[in-house]
Amino acid sequence: MYCIIIKRGDYQRFDLLHRTFGSTTPVIWDRRVRERRGTSDTALMPERRQTQRRGQEPASWAALGFVVVQQPGHVAGRNVRMSW
């Protein structure tokens, strides 16, 4: 199963995609407000993360304001139970 994620605040695009695909595909808002990991002046621990884990934004995110993703647990039309 696929899901369409819309950039926060793009109400017209959300409305259009929800009216077009909402009956068959979930259309949701991007939940990210800001980068979770902030820098703290009081942090005494060194950074343990070796590389940035977040990949590059898909082209459709920057150009169109949305991205279509496959939902976790759904593979080739089968509902797969995740063990996490």
PDB file of N, CA and C in Angstrom:
ATOM      1  N   MET A   1       0.843  -1.172   0.000  1.00  0.00           N
ATOM      2  CA  MET A   1       0.000   0.000   0.000  1.00  0.00           C
ATOM      3  C   MET A   1       0.892   1.240   0.000  1.00  0.00           C
ATOM      4  N   TYR A   2       0.473   2.227  -0.733  1.00  0.00           N
ATOM      5  CA  TYR A   2       1.223   3.472  -0.838  1.00  0.00           C
ATOM      6  C   TYR A   2       0.550   4.584  -0.057  1.00  0.00           C
ATOM      7  N   CYS A   3       1.304   5.637   0.195  1.00  0.00           N
ATOM      8  CA  CYS A   3       0.834   6.784   0.956  1.00  0.00           C
ATOM      9  C   CYS A   3       1.412   8.037   0.303  1.00  0.00           C
ATOM     10  N   ILE A   4       0.628   9.111   0.251  1.00  0.00           N
ATOM     11  CA  ILE A   4       1.099  10.378  -0.306  1.00  0.00           C
ATOM     12  C   ILE A   4       1.335  11.330   0.857  1.00  0.00           C
ATOM     13  N   ILE A   5       2.552  11.869   0.946  1.00  0.00           N
ATOM     14  CA  ILE A   5       2.897  12.798   2.020  1.00  0.00           C
ATOM     15  C   ILE A   5       3.058  14.185   1.405  1.00  0.00           C
ATOM     16  N   ILE A   6       2.330  15.162   1.957  1.00  0.00           N
ATOM     17  CA  ILE A   6       2.295  16.520   1.440  1.00  0.00           C
ATOM     18  C   ILE A   6       3.125  17.432   2.342  1.00  0.00           C
ATOM     19  N   LYS A   7       3.844  18.381   1.735  1.00  0.00           N
ATOM     20  CA  LYS A   7       4.596  19.364   2.527  1.00  0.00           C
ATOM     21  C   LYS A   7       3.645  20.135   3.429  1.00  0.00           C
ATOM     22  N   ARG A   8       4.089  20.369   4.626  1.00  0.00           N
ATOM     23  CA  ARG A   8       3.300  21.099   5.629  1.00  0.00           C
ATOM     24  C   ARG A   8       2.890  22.469   5.091  1.00  0.00           C
ATOM     25  N   GLY A   9       1.595  22.778   5.218  1.00  0.00           N
ATOM     26  CA  GLY A   9       1.080  24.095   4.858  1.00  0.00           C
ATOM     27  C   GLY A   9       0.592  24.247   3.423  1.00  0.00           C
ATOM     28  N   ASP A  10       0.779  23.247   2.576  1.00  0.00           N
ATOM     29  CA  ASP A  10       0.335  23.346   1.179  1.00  0.00           C
ATOM     30  C   ASP A  10      -1.110  22.844   1.083  1.00  0.00           C
ATOM     31  N   TYR A  11      -2.040  23.686   1.526  1.00  0.00           N
ATOM     32  CA  TYR A  11      -3.441  23.289   1.654  1.00  0.00           C
ATOM     33  C   TYR A  11      -4.100  22.972   0.320  1.00  0.00           C
ATOM     34  N   GLN A  12      -3.808  23.737  -0.713  1.00  0.00           N
ATOM     35  CA  GLN A  12      -4.426  23.489  -2.021  1.00  0.00           C
ATOM     36  C   GLN A  12      -3.995  22.142  -2.589  1.00  0.00           C
ATOM     37  N   ARG A  13      -2.699  21.821  -2.482  1.00  0.00           N
ATOM     38  CA  ARG A  13      -2.214  20.541  -2.993  1.00  0.00           C
ATOM     39  C   ARG A  13      -2.808  19.386  -2.192  1.00  0.00           C
ATOM     40  N   PHE A  14      -2.880  19.558  -0.870  1.00  0.00           N
ATOM     41  CA  PHE A  14      -3.462  18.526  -0.029  1.00  0.00           C
ATOM     42  C   PHE A  14      -4.909  18.266  -0.448  1.00  0.00           C
ATOM     43  N   ASP A  15      -5.679  19.339  -0.621  1.00  0.00           N
ATOM     44  CA  ASP A  15      -7.088  19.205  -0.999  1.00  0.00           C
ATOM     45  C   ASP A  15      -7.230  18.503  -2.350  1.00  0.00           C
ATOM     46  N   LEU A  16      -6.438  18.916  -3.333  1.00  0.00           N
ATOM     47  CA  LEU A  16      -6.505  18.316  -4.662  1.00  0.00           C
ATOM     48  C   LEU A  16      -6.165  16.826  -4.632  1.00  0.00           C
ATOM     49  N   LEU A  17      -5.042  16.474  -3.988  1.00  0.00           N
ATOM     50  CA  LEU A  17      -4.629  15.066  -3.942  1.00  0.00           C
ATOM     51  C   LEU A  17      -5.569  14.227  -3.082  1.00  0.00           C
ATOM     52  N   HIS A  18      -6.108  14.818  -2.027  1.00  0.00           N
ATOM     53  CA  HIS A  18      -7.047  14.074  -1.184  1.00  0.00           C
ATOM     54  C   HIS A  18      -8.343  13.792  -1.940  1.00  0.00           C
ATOM     55  N   ARG A  19      -8.826  14.773  -2.685  1.00  0.00           N
ATOM     56  CA  ARG A  19     -10.048  14.558  -3.481  1.00  0.00           C
ATOM     57  C   ARG A  19      -9.800  13.545  -4.598  1.00  0.00           C
ATOM     58  N   THR A  20      -8.594  13.561  -5.175  1.00  0.00           N
ATOM     59  CA  THR A  20      -8.286  12.682  -6.298  1.00  0.00           C
ATOM     60  C   THR A  20      -7.987  11.245  -5.848  1.00  0.00           C
ATOM     61  N   PHE A  21      -7.168  11.096  -4.809  1.00  0.00           N
ATOM     62  CA  PHE A  21      -6.689   9.764  -4.418  1.00  0.00           C
ATOM     63  C   PHE A  21      -7.132   9.315  -3.029  1.00  0.00           C
ATOM     64  N   GLY A  22      -7.759  10.185  -2.256  1.00  0.00           N
ATOM     65  CA  GLY A  22      -8.057   9.897  -0.854  1.00  0.00           C
ATOM     66  C   GLY A  22      -8.900   8.671  -0.592  1.00  0.00           C
ATOM     67  N   SER A  23      -9.715   8.253  -1.551  1.00  0.00           N
ATOM     68  CA  SER A  23     -10.556   7.075  -1.314  1.00  0.00           C
ATOM     69  C   SER A  23      -9.769   5.775  -1.445  1.00  0.00           C
ATOM     70  N   THR A  24      -8.623   5.816  -2.120  1.00  0.00           N
ATOM     71  CA  THR A  24      -7.847   4.588  -2.309  1.00  0.00           C
ATOM     72  C   THR A  24      -6.452   4.642  -1.676  1.00  0.00           C
ATOM     73  N   THR A  25      -5.920   5.844  -1.481  1.00  0.00           N
ATOM     74  CA  THR A  25      -4.563   6.010  -0.968  1.00  0.00           C
ATOM     75  C   THR A  25      -4.565   7.058   0.129  1.00  0.00           C
ATOM     76  N   PRO A  26      -3.983   6.754   1.293  1.00  0.00           N
ATOM     77  CA  PRO A  26      -3.920   7.763   2.353  1.00  0.00           C
ATOM     78  C   PRO A  26      -3.109   8.987   1.913  1.00  0.00           C
ATOM     79  N   VAL A  27      -3.641  10.171   2.187  1.00  0.00           N
ATOM     80  CA  VAL A  27      -2.952  11.430   1.911  1.00  0.00           C
ATOM     81  C   VAL A  27      -2.754  12.104   3.255  1.00  0.00           C
ATOM     82  N   ILE A  28      -1.487  12.320   3.639  1.00  0.00           N
ATOM     83  CA  ILE A  28      -1.193  12.846   4.971  1.00  0.00           C
ATOM     84  C   ILE A  28      -0.216  14.010   4.888  1.00  0.00           C
ATOM     85  N   TRP A  29      -0.148  14.780   5.969  1.00  0.00           N
ATOM     86  CA  TRP A  29       0.793  15.895   6.083  1.00  0.00           C
ATOM     87  C   TRP A  29       2.154  15.375   6.528  1.00  0.00           C
ATOM     88  N   ASP A  30       3.203  16.072   6.107  1.00  0.00           N
ATOM     89  CA  ASP A  30       4.541  15.814   6.627  1.00  0.00           C
ATOM     90  C   ASP A  30       4.538  16.228   8.093  1.00  0.00           C
ATOM     91  N   ARG A  31       4.979  15.359   8.985  1.00  0.00           N
ATOM     92  CA  ARG A  31       4.929  15.647  10.417  1.00  0.00           C
ATOM     93  C   ARG A  31       6.138  16.410  10.918  1.00  0.00           C
ATOM     94  N   ARG A  32       7.191  16.473  10.123  1.00  0.00           N
ATOM     95  CA  ARG A  32       8.420  17.130  10.595  1.00  0.00           C
ATOM     96  C   ARG A  32       8.211  18.640  10.705  1.00  0.00           C
ATOM     97  N   VAL A  33       8.589  19.186  11.835  1.00  0.00           N
ATOM     98  CA  VAL A  33       8.509  20.624  12.050  1.00  0.00           C
ATOM     99  C   VAL A  33       9.900  21.222  11.923  1.00  0.00           C
ATOM    100  N   ARG A  34      10.878  20.526  12.464  1.00  0.00           N
ATOM    101  CA  ARG A  34      12.259  20.981  12.414  1.00  0.00           C
ATOM    102  C   ARG A  34      13.164  19.774  12.593  1.00  0.00           C
ATOM    103  N   GLU A  35      14.447  19.999  12.503  1.00  0.00           N
ATOM    104  CA  GLU A  35      15.425  18.938  12.732  1.00  0.00           C
ATOM    105  C   GLU A  35      15.326  18.513  14.190  1.00  0.00           C
ATOM    106  N   ARG A  36      15.203  17.228  14.453  1.00  0.00           N
ATOM    107  CA  ARG A  36      15.061  16.757  15.839  1.00  0.00           C
ATOM    108  C   ARG A  36      16.321  16.978  16.662  1.00  0.00           C
ATOM    109  N   ARG A  37      17.446  16.661  16.079  1.00  0.00           N
ATOM    110  CA  ARG A  37      18.699  16.779  16.824  1.00  0.00           C
ATOM    111  C   ARG A  37      19.205  18.208  16.737  1.00  0.00           C
ATOM    112  N   GLY A  38      19.128  18.892  17.815  1.00  0.00           N
ATOM    113  CA  GLY A  38      19.640  20.256  17.851  1.00  0.00           C
ATOM    114  C   GLY A  38      21.015  20.279  18.474  1.00  0.00           C
ATOM    115  N   THR A  39      21.653  21.404  18.375  1.00  0.00           N
ATOM    116  CA  THR A  39      22.945  21.540  19.041  1.00  0.00           C
ATOM    117  C   THR A  39      22.704  22.152  20.411  1.00  0.00           C
ATOM    118  N   SER A  40      23.394  21.657  21.375  1.00  0.00           N
ATOM    119  CA  SER A  40      23.229  22.133  22.736  1.00  0.00           C
ATOM    120  C   SER A  40      24.584  22.571  23.278  1.00  0.00           C
ATOM    121  N   ASP A  41      24.614  23.750  23.851  1.00  0.00           N
ATOM    122  CA  ASP A  41      25.855  24.241  24.438  1.00  0.00           C
ATOM    123  C   ASP A  41      26.228  23.466  25.698  1.00  0.00           C
ATOM    124  N   THR A  42      25.227  22.873  26.332  1.00  0.00           N
ATOM    125  CA  THR A  42      25.491  22.162  27.577  1.00  0.00           C
ATOM    126  C   THR A  42      25.814  20.691  27.362  1.00  0.00           C
ATOM    127  N   ALA A  43      25.744  20.220  26.132  1.00  0.00           N
ATOM    128  CA  ALA A  43      26.003  18.800  25.872  1.00  0.00           C
ATOM    129  C   ALA A  43      27.487  18.491  26.064  1.00  0.00           C
ATOM    130  N   LEU A  44      27.753  17.531  26.900  1.00  0.00           N
ATOM    131  CA  LEU A  44      29.132  17.140  27.167  1.00  0.00           C
ATOM    132  C   LEU A  44      29.520  15.883  26.395  1.00  0.00           C
ATOM    133  N   MET A  45      28.530  15.186  25.876  1.00  0.00           N
ATOM    134  CA  MET A  45      28.779  13.944  25.159  1.00  0.00           C
ATOM    135  C   MET A  45      29.207  14.258  23.724  1.00  0.00           C
ATOM    136  N   PRO A  46      30.222  13.559  23.224  1.00  0.00           N
ATOM    137  CA  PRO A  46      30.612  13.757  21.820  1.00  0.00           C
ATOM    138  C   PRO A  46      29.552  13.160  20.889  1.00  0.00           C
ATOM    139  N   GLU A  47      29.508  13.647  19.680  1.00  0.00           N
ATOM    140  CA  GLU A  47      28.563  13.140  18.683  1.00  0.00           C
ATOM    141  C   GLU A  47      28.921  11.698  18.340  1.00  0.00           C
ATOM    142  N   ARG A  48      27.975  10.779  18.514  1.00  0.00           N
ATOM    143  CA  ARG A  48      28.219   9.367  18.236  1.00  0.00           C
ATOM    144  C   ARG A  48      27.870   8.996  16.801  1.00  0.00           C
ATOM    145  N   ARG A  49      27.042   9.775  16.188  1.00  0.00           N
ATOM    146  CA  ARG A  49      26.588   9.483  14.840  1.00  0.00           C
ATOM    147  C   ARG A  49      27.731   9.756  13.862  1.00  0.00           C
ATOM    148  N   GLN A  50      28.066   8.775  13.038  1.00  0.00           N
ATOM    149  CA  GLN A  50      29.193   8.906  12.114  1.00  0.00           C
ATOM    150  C   GLN A  50      28.797   9.617  10.819  1.00  0.00           C
ATOM    151  N   THR A  51      27.616   9.346  10.332  1.00  0.00           N
ATOM    152  CA  THR A  51      27.158   9.953   9.078  1.00  0.00           C
ATOM    153  C   THR A  51      25.711  10.380   9.226  1.00  0.00           C
ATOM    154  N   GLN A  52      25.274  11.214   8.321  1.00  0.00           N
ATOM    155  CA  GLN A  52      23.872  11.631   8.278  1.00  0.00           C
ATOM    156  C   GLN A  52      23.047  10.454   7.781  1.00  0.00           C
ATOM    157  N   ARG A  53      22.037  10.067   8.531  1.00  0.00           N
ATOM    158  CA  ARG A  53      21.234   8.911   8.148  1.00  0.00           C
ATOM    159  C   ARG A  53      20.123   9.269   7.173  1.00  0.00           C
ATOM    160  N   ARG A  54      19.663  10.491   7.233  1.00  0.00           N
ATOM    161  CA  ARG A  54      18.573  10.896   6.353  1.00  0.00           C
ATOM    162  C   ARG A  54      19.115  11.063   4.942  1.00  0.00           C
ATOM    163  N   GLY A  55      18.463  10.426   3.987  1.00  0.00           N
ATOM    164  CA  GLY A  55      18.890  10.505   2.595  1.00  0.00           C
ATOM    165  C   GLY A  55      18.508  11.832   1.966  1.00  0.00           C
ATOM    166  N   GLN A  56      18.868  11.989   0.724  1.00  0.00           N
ATOM    167  CA  GLN A  56      18.544  13.205   0.003  1.00  0.00           C
ATOM    168  C   GLN A  56      17.056  13.218  -0.337  1.00  0.00           C
ATOM    169  N   GLU A  57      16.473  14.398  -0.361  1.00  0.00           N
ATOM    170  CA  GLU A  57      15.049  14.526  -0.670  1.00  0.00           C
ATOM    171  C   GLU A  57      14.776  14.052  -2.088  1.00  0.00           C
ATOM    172  N   PRO A  58      13.661  13.346  -2.293  1.00  0.00           N
ATOM    173  CA  PRO A  58      13.293  12.962  -3.653  1.00  0.00           C
ATOM    174  C   PRO A  58      13.001  14.215  -4.487  1.00  0.00           C
ATOM    175  N   ALA A  59      13.180  14.120  -5.785  1.00  0.00           N
ATOM    176  CA  ALA A  59      12.953  15.260  -6.673  1.00  0.00           C
ATOM    177  C   ALA A  59      11.515  15.763  -6.581  1.00  0.00           C
ATOM    178  N   SER A  60      10.566  14.863  -6.393  1.00  0.00           N
ATOM    179  CA  SER A  60       9.165  15.284  -6.330  1.00  0.00           C
ATOM    180  C   SER A  60       8.881  16.123  -5.085  1.00  0.00           C
ATOM    181  N   TRP A  61       9.656  15.951  -4.035  1.00  0.00           N
ATOM    182  CA  TRP A  61       9.446  16.724  -2.814  1.00  0.00           C
ATOM    183  C   TRP A  61       9.744  18.199  -3.048  1.00  0.00           C
ATOM    184  N   ALA A  62      10.867  18.467  -3.699  1.00  0.00           N
ATOM    185  CA  ALA A  62      11.250  19.850  -3.961  1.00  0.00           C
ATOM    186  C   ALA A  62      10.432  20.459  -5.098  1.00  0.00           C
ATOM    187  N   ALA A  63      10.192  19.701  -6.160  1.00  0.00           N
ATOM    188  CA  ALA A  63       9.538  20.244  -7.343  1.00  0.00           C
ATOM    189  C   ALA A  63       8.013  20.287  -7.216  1.00  0.00           C
ATOM    190  N   LEU A  64       7.422  19.260  -6.632  1.00  0.00           N
ATOM    191  CA  LEU A  64       5.966  19.139  -6.610  1.00  0.00           C
ATOM    192  C   LEU A  64       5.340  19.360  -5.237  1.00  0.00           C
ATOM    193  N   GLY A  65       6.130  19.232  -4.179  1.00  0.00           N
ATOM    194  CA  GLY A  65       5.599  19.449  -2.838  1.00  0.00           C
ATOM    195  C   GLY A  65       4.984  18.224  -2.202  1.00  0.00           C
ATOM    196  N   PHE A  66       5.202  17.053  -2.790  1.00  0.00           N
ATOM    197  CA  PHE A  66       4.712  15.820  -2.184  1.00  0.00           C
ATOM    198  C   PHE A  66       5.600  14.665  -2.606  1.00  0.00           C
ATOM    199  N   VAL A  67       5.443  13.549  -1.919  1.00  0.00           N
ATOM    200  CA  VAL A  67       6.181  12.336  -2.253  1.00  0.00           C
ATOM    201  C   VAL A  67       5.238  11.155  -2.028  1.00  0.00           C
ATOM    202  N   VAL A  68       5.379  10.136  -2.856  1.00  0.00           N
ATOM    203  CA  VAL A  68       4.597   8.903  -2.716  1.00  0.00           C
ATOM    204  C   VAL A  68       5.539   7.849  -2.166  1.00  0.00           C
ATOM    205  N   VAL A  69       5.146   7.238  -1.048  1.00  0.00           N
ATOM    206  CA  VAL A  69       6.006   6.243  -0.405  1.00  0.00           C
ATOM    207  C   VAL A  69       5.224   4.967  -0.152  1.00  0.00           C
ATOM    208  N   GLN A  70       5.950   3.875  -0.045  1.00  0.00           N
ATOM    209  CA  GLN A  70       5.334   2.609   0.320  1.00  0.00           C
ATOM    210  C   GLN A  70       5.305   2.529   1.835  1.00  0.00           C
ATOM    211  N   GLN A  71       4.158   2.208   2.397  1.00  0.00           N
ATOM    212  CA  GLN A  71       4.030   2.150   3.849  1.00  0.00           C
ATOM    213  C   GLN A  71       4.770   0.942   4.395  1.00  0.00           C
ATOM    214  N   PRO A  72       5.430   1.095   5.549  1.00  0.00           N
ATOM    215  CA  PRO A  72       6.115  -0.047   6.172  1.00  0.00           C
ATOM    216  C   PRO A  72       5.113  -1.152   6.476  1.00  0.00           C
ATOM    217  N   GLY A  73       5.527  -2.378   6.236  1.00  0.00           N
ATOM    218  CA  GLY A  73       4.666  -3.507   6.531  1.00  0.00           C
ATOM    219  C   GLY A  73       3.836  -3.957   5.351  1.00  0.00           C
ATOM    220  N   HIS A  74       3.872  -3.230   4.238  1.00  0.00           N
ATOM    221  CA  HIS A  74       3.117  -3.614   3.051  1.00  0.00           C
ATOM    222  C   HIS A  74       4.106  -3.865   1.923  1.00  0.00           C
ATOM    223  N   VAL A  75       4.196  -5.122   1.511  1.00  0.00           N
ATOM    224  CA  VAL A  75       5.121  -5.488   0.452  1.00  0.00           C
ATOM    225  C   VAL A  75       4.339  -6.192  -0.643  1.00  0.00           C
ATOM    226  N   ALA A  76       4.371  -5.644  -1.828  1.00  0.00           N
ATOM    227  CA  ALA A  76       3.735  -6.245  -3.008  1.00  0.00           C
ATOM    228  C   ALA A  76       2.300  -6.676  -2.728  1.00  0.00           C
ATOM    229  N   GLY A  77       1.532  -5.796  -2.105  1.00  0.00           N
ATOM    230  CA  GLY A  77       0.122  -6.081  -1.872  1.00  0.00           C
ATOM    231  C   GLY A  77      -0.161  -6.963  -0.671  1.00  0.00           C
ATOM    232  N   ARG A  78       0.882  -7.437   0.019  1.00  0.00           N
ATOM    233  CA  ARG A  78       0.678  -8.279   1.201  1.00  0.00           C
ATOM    234  C   ARG A  78       0.928  -7.456   2.445  1.00  0.00           C
ATOM    235  N   ASN A  79       0.168  -7.714   3.466  1.00  0.00           N
ATOM    236  CA  ASN A  79       0.385  -7.042   4.739  1.00  0.00           C
ATOM    237  C   ASN A  79       1.375  -7.887   5.539  1.00  0.00           C
ATOM    238  N   VAL A  80       2.564  -7.342   5.762  1.00  0.00           N
ATOM    239  CA  VAL A  80       3.625  -8.062   6.460  1.00  0.00           C
ATOM    240  C   VAL A  80       3.742  -7.506   7.866  1.00  0.00           C
ATOM    241  N   ARG A  81       3.765  -8.375   8.843  1.00  0.00           N
ATOM    242  CA  ARG A  81       3.867  -7.927  10.232  1.00  0.00           C
ATOM    243  C   ARG A  81       5.312  -7.569  10.560  1.00  0.00           C
ATOM    244  N   MET A  82       5.493  -6.349  11.054  1.00  0.00           N
ATOM    245  CA  MET A  82       6.827  -5.892  11.414  1.00  0.00           C
ATOM    246  C   MET A  82       7.101  -6.260  12.882  1.00  0.00           C
ATOM    247  N   SER A  83       8.328  -6.631  13.175  1.00  0.00           N
ATOM    248  CA  SER A  83       8.658  -7.036  14.545  1.00  0.00           C
ATOM    249  C   SER A  83       9.470  -5.966  15.244  1.00  0.00           C
ATOM    250  N   TRP A  84       8.889  -4.777  15.404  1.00  0.00           N
ATOM    251  CA  TRP A  84       9.548  -3.691  16.113  1.00  0.00           C
ATOM    252  C   TRP A  84       8.622  -2.962  16.906  1.00  0.00           C
TER     253      TRP A  84
END
